């Protein structure tokens, strides 16, 4: 799909599913590649999940480097910087009492999908319906019913099942963006403490990350089914 079609897809998703907030386009710019022209750099330091929340509610478009990413764990998952040692080893989550042992915390962190450190120059964010760049991933934060409808639409053309993997941590970064980007798989996740606290993911919302390559089939299915 070209950019114009993707913009229209954003409008169709919002209208057909009656979404309360906008689908978010995210592009990860690898080192050695250029940031799209005409997109402003975010003028504040905040978390990746908050950036997604900002876009879905306000329609802003911007890019952020590692310097603008307040959560270095989330930005490390996206390849913008080195993973903080205590987070990588599980110490951070052990101290937060999310795990019973350091080994349980370590195993979980080792299983979270991430990109190579410092492999990504910047992350670009914008509303899918008006983005001026072609995204890698579409992130939608919405109700379980609407995620169900999207899941049904995703298998409308070829059948099968929507397979997902989550641990209740690193949800908007690793699950919502990195897994679809790296593996080309749709990723459904329930959120995490950080995204619910800092990014206002409500109790009745969850997250779905869709690789842009699935957009064409999804558009056809949404138009046929809804």
Protein backbone atom coordinates (compact mmCIF):
# COMPACT_ATOMS: atom_id res chain seq x y z
CA UNK A 1 0.00 0.00 0.00
CA UNK A 2 1.25 3.48 -0.76
CA UNK A 3 1.09 6.32 1.76
CA UNK A 4 -2.21 7.69 0.47
CA UNK A 5 -3.82 4.25 0.84
CA UNK A 6 -2.40 3.88 4.34
CA UNK A 7 -3.84 7.26 5.33
CA UNK A 8 -7.23 6.17 4.03
CA UNK A 9 -6.84 2.88 5.92
CA UNK A 10 -6.38 4.86 9.13
CA UNK A 11 -9.66 6.68 8.50
CA UNK A 12 -11.47 3.46 7.64
CA UNK A 13 -10.27 1.73 10.80
CA UNK A 14 -11.39 4.63 12.97
CA UNK A 15 -14.83 4.82 11.34
CA UNK A 16 -15.61 1.12 10.91
CA UNK A 17 -14.47 0.15 14.40
CA UNK A 18 -15.71 3.36 16.00
CA UNK A 19 -12.30 3.85 17.64
CA UNK A 20 -12.13 6.49 20.36
CA UNK A 21 -8.46 7.24 19.61
CA UNK A 22 -6.40 7.17 16.43
CA UNK A 23 -4.36 4.24 15.08
CA UNK A 24 -0.69 5.21 15.42
CA UNK A 25 1.92 4.85 12.69
CA UNK A 26 5.44 4.05 13.94
CA UNK A 27 8.61 3.84 11.88
CA UNK A 28 12.01 2.80 13.21
CA UNK A 29 14.81 4.48 11.27
CA UNK A 30 17.96 2.32 11.14
CA UNK A 31 21.40 3.86 11.61
CA UNK A 32 22.70 5.00 8.24
CA UNK A 33 19.25 5.95 6.98
CA UNK A 34 17.66 9.39 6.85
CA UNK A 35 14.80 10.65 8.99
CA UNK A 36 11.92 11.69 6.69
CA UNK A 37 12.05 15.37 5.81
CA UNK A 38 9.57 17.84 7.27
CA UNK A 39 8.94 15.97 10.52
CA UNK A 40 9.70 17.87 13.71
CA UNK A 41 11.80 16.50 16.52
CA UNK A 42 9.94 16.08 19.79
CA UNK A 43 10.83 18.98 22.07
CA UNK A 44 10.46 17.11 25.36
CA UNK A 45 11.72 13.99 27.08
CA UNK A 46 9.09 11.36 27.71
CA UNK A 47 8.43 7.64 27.40
CA UNK A 48 7.76 5.72 24.19
CA UNK A 49 4.37 4.61 25.48
CA UNK A 50 3.52 8.23 26.31
CA UNK A 51 4.52 9.24 22.79
CA UNK A 52 2.10 6.68 21.36
CA UNK A 53 -0.60 7.96 23.73
CA UNK A 54 0.11 11.56 22.69
CA UNK A 55 -0.30 10.71 19.01
CA UNK A 56 -3.46 8.63 19.40
CA UNK A 57 -5.18 11.43 21.32
CA UNK A 58 -3.81 14.62 19.74
CA UNK A 59 -2.80 13.61 16.21
CA UNK A 60 0.73 15.06 16.52
CA UNK A 61 3.53 13.83 14.25
CA UNK A 62 7.18 13.87 15.36
CA UNK A 63 10.35 11.85 15.73
CA UNK A 64 12.42 11.04 18.79
CA UNK A 65 16.00 9.89 19.26
CA UNK A 66 17.38 8.13 22.32
CA UNK A 67 17.86 11.55 23.94
CA UNK A 68 14.10 12.20 23.96
CA UNK A 69 13.26 8.74 25.32
CA UNK A 70 12.80 8.91 29.11
CA UNK A 71 12.36 5.15 29.54
CA UNK A 72 15.74 3.72 28.57
CA UNK A 73 14.42 0.19 28.90
CA UNK A 74 11.71 0.78 26.31
CA UNK A 75 14.04 2.62 23.97
CA UNK A 76 16.63 -0.13 24.35
CA UNK A 77 14.03 -2.68 23.26
CA UNK A 78 13.65 -0.60 20.09
CA UNK A 79 17.41 -0.54 19.48
CA UNK A 80 17.96 3.14 20.29
CA UNK A 81 20.48 2.54 23.09
CA UNK A 82 22.13 -0.07 25.27
CA UNK A 83 19.88 -1.94 27.68
CA UNK A 84 20.42 -0.75 31.29
CA UNK A 85 22.29 -3.51 33.13
CA UNK A 86 19.84 -3.88 36.03
CA UNK A 87 16.93 -4.19 33.65
CA UNK A 88 18.70 -6.70 31.40
CA UNK A 89 19.59 -8.94 34.35
CA UNK A 90 16.11 -8.75 35.88
CA UNK A 91 17.24 -6.84 38.98
CA UNK A 92 14.85 -3.97 38.29
CA UNK A 93 11.75 -6.15 38.19
CA UNK A 94 12.91 -8.27 41.12
CA UNK A 95 13.14 -5.13 43.27
CA UNK A 96 9.68 -4.13 42.08
CA UNK A 97 8.48 -7.53 43.38
CA UNK A 98 7.24 -8.63 39.97
CA UNK A 99 9.13 -11.94 40.28
CA UNK A 100 9.92 -14.37 43.06
CA UNK A 101 13.55 -14.98 42.05
CA UNK A 102 16.25 -13.28 40.03
CA UNK A 103 16.28 -16.24 37.65
CA UNK A 104 12.57 -15.86 36.90
CA UNK A 105 13.13 -12.17 36.20
CA UNK A 106 16.22 -12.85 34.06
CA UNK A 107 14.51 -15.53 31.99
CA UNK A 108 11.60 -13.23 31.28
CA UNK A 109 13.83 -10.35 30.22
CA UNK A 110 15.87 -12.65 27.98
CA UNK A 111 12.66 -13.74 26.23
CA UNK A 112 11.40 -10.23 25.45
CA UNK A 113 11.78 -9.32 21.76
CA UNK A 114 14.36 -6.59 21.25
CA UNK A 115 16.58 -5.05 18.57
CA UNK A 116 20.35 -4.77 18.55
CA UNK A 117 21.62 -1.90 20.73
CA UNK A 118 22.27 1.34 18.83
CA UNK A 119 20.93 -0.14 15.57
CA UNK A 120 18.11 2.41 15.35
CA UNK A 121 18.68 6.16 14.89
CA UNK A 122 15.17 7.41 15.67
CA UNK A 123 11.54 6.42 16.07
CA UNK A 124 8.95 8.36 14.06
CA UNK A 125 5.36 8.67 15.29
CA UNK A 126 2.17 9.98 13.70
CA UNK A 127 -1.55 9.29 13.26
CA UNK A 128 -2.03 6.69 10.53
CA UNK A 129 -4.79 8.72 8.92
CA UNK A 130 -2.51 11.69 8.19
CA UNK A 131 1.07 10.39 8.55
CA UNK A 132 3.56 11.91 6.10
CA UNK A 133 5.84 8.85 6.33
CA UNK A 134 5.37 5.16 5.61
CA UNK A 135 5.25 3.26 8.90
CA UNK A 136 6.72 -0.10 9.80
CA UNK A 137 4.09 -0.86 12.44
CA UNK A 138 0.52 0.26 13.20
CA UNK A 139 -0.26 0.43 16.92
CA UNK A 140 -3.87 0.49 18.07
CA UNK A 141 -4.89 0.88 21.71
CA UNK A 142 -8.56 0.04 22.09
CA UNK A 143 -11.15 -2.22 23.71
CA UNK A 144 -10.95 -6.04 23.80
CA UNK A 145 -14.03 -6.24 21.54
CA UNK A 146 -12.34 -4.12 18.87
CA UNK A 147 -9.11 -6.13 19.15
CA UNK A 148 -11.27 -9.22 18.66
CA UNK A 149 -12.74 -7.69 15.49
CA UNK A 150 -9.27 -6.82 14.21
CA UNK A 151 -8.08 -10.35 14.98
CA UNK A 152 -11.00 -11.80 13.04
CA UNK A 153 -10.22 -9.48 10.14
CA UNK A 154 -6.57 -10.52 10.14
CA UNK A 155 -7.45 -14.16 9.47
CA UNK A 156 -10.34 -13.38 7.09
CA UNK A 157 -8.27 -13.90 3.92
CA UNK A 158 -6.14 -16.92 4.79
CA UNK A 159 -7.48 -18.39 8.02
CA UNK A 160 -5.31 -19.62 10.86
CA UNK A 161 -4.92 -18.11 14.30
CA UNK A 162 -3.52 -14.92 15.78
CA UNK A 163 -0.63 -16.05 17.94
CA UNK A 164 0.77 -13.74 20.56
CA UNK A 165 3.27 -13.63 23.38
CA UNK A 166 3.39 -11.26 26.35
CA UNK A 167 4.49 -11.07 29.97
CA UNK A 168 2.79 -7.94 31.25
CA UNK A 169 6.01 -5.92 30.87
CA UNK A 170 7.46 -3.82 28.00
CA UNK A 171 4.08 -3.93 26.30
CA UNK A 172 3.88 -0.86 24.03
CA UNK A 173 7.57 -1.00 23.13
CA UNK A 174 8.62 -4.65 22.80
CA UNK A 175 5.20 -6.22 22.21
CA UNK A 176 3.48 -3.40 20.36
CA UNK A 177 6.31 -2.27 18.08
CA UNK A 178 9.42 -4.45 18.16
CA UNK A 179 7.80 -7.87 17.68
CA UNK A 180 5.75 -6.79 14.62
CA UNK A 181 8.81 -4.93 13.25
CA UNK A 182 11.32 -7.72 13.82
CA UNK A 183 9.22 -10.83 13.22
CA UNK A 184 6.51 -9.53 10.90
CA UNK A 185 3.87 -10.91 13.28
CA UNK A 186 0.72 -9.33 14.66
CA UNK A 187 1.16 -8.83 18.39
CA UNK A 188 -1.68 -8.59 20.89
CA UNK A 189 -0.71 -7.57 24.42
CA UNK A 190 -2.51 -6.63 27.61
CA UNK A 191 -0.42 -3.65 28.65
CA UNK A 192 2.01 -3.26 31.53
CA UNK A 193 2.32 -1.28 34.74
CA UNK A 194 4.30 1.45 33.01
CA UNK A 195 1.91 1.94 30.09
CA UNK A 196 -1.12 1.96 32.35
CA UNK A 197 0.48 4.39 34.78
CA UNK A 198 2.30 6.77 32.42
CA UNK A 199 0.50 6.38 29.07
CA UNK A 200 -3.07 6.26 30.34
CA UNK A 201 -3.87 2.84 28.91
CA UNK A 202 -7.23 2.33 30.57
CA UNK A 203 -8.48 -0.76 32.40
CA UNK A 204 -10.76 -1.55 29.46
CA UNK A 205 -8.07 -1.14 26.79
CA UNK A 206 -5.42 -3.41 25.30
CA UNK A 207 -2.82 -3.07 22.55
CA UNK A 208 -2.41 -4.60 19.12
CA UNK A 209 0.66 -4.05 16.93
CA UNK A 210 0.29 -4.80 13.22
CA UNK A 211 3.18 -4.99 10.72
CA UNK A 212 2.41 -2.65 7.83
CA UNK A 213 2.70 -5.56 5.38
CA UNK A 214 -0.61 -6.87 6.73
CA UNK A 215 -2.45 -3.61 6.06
CA UNK A 216 -3.75 -4.44 2.57
CA UNK A 217 -5.43 -7.72 3.54
CA UNK A 218 -6.72 -6.14 6.73
CA UNK A 219 -8.31 -3.25 4.85
CA UNK A 220 -10.12 -5.62 2.49
CA UNK A 221 -11.34 -7.71 5.41
CA UNK A 222 -12.55 -4.73 7.46
CA UNK A 223 -14.50 -3.43 4.46
CA UNK A 224 -16.11 -6.84 3.90
CA UNK A 225 -16.84 -7.76 7.51
CA UNK A 226 -17.86 -4.51 9.19
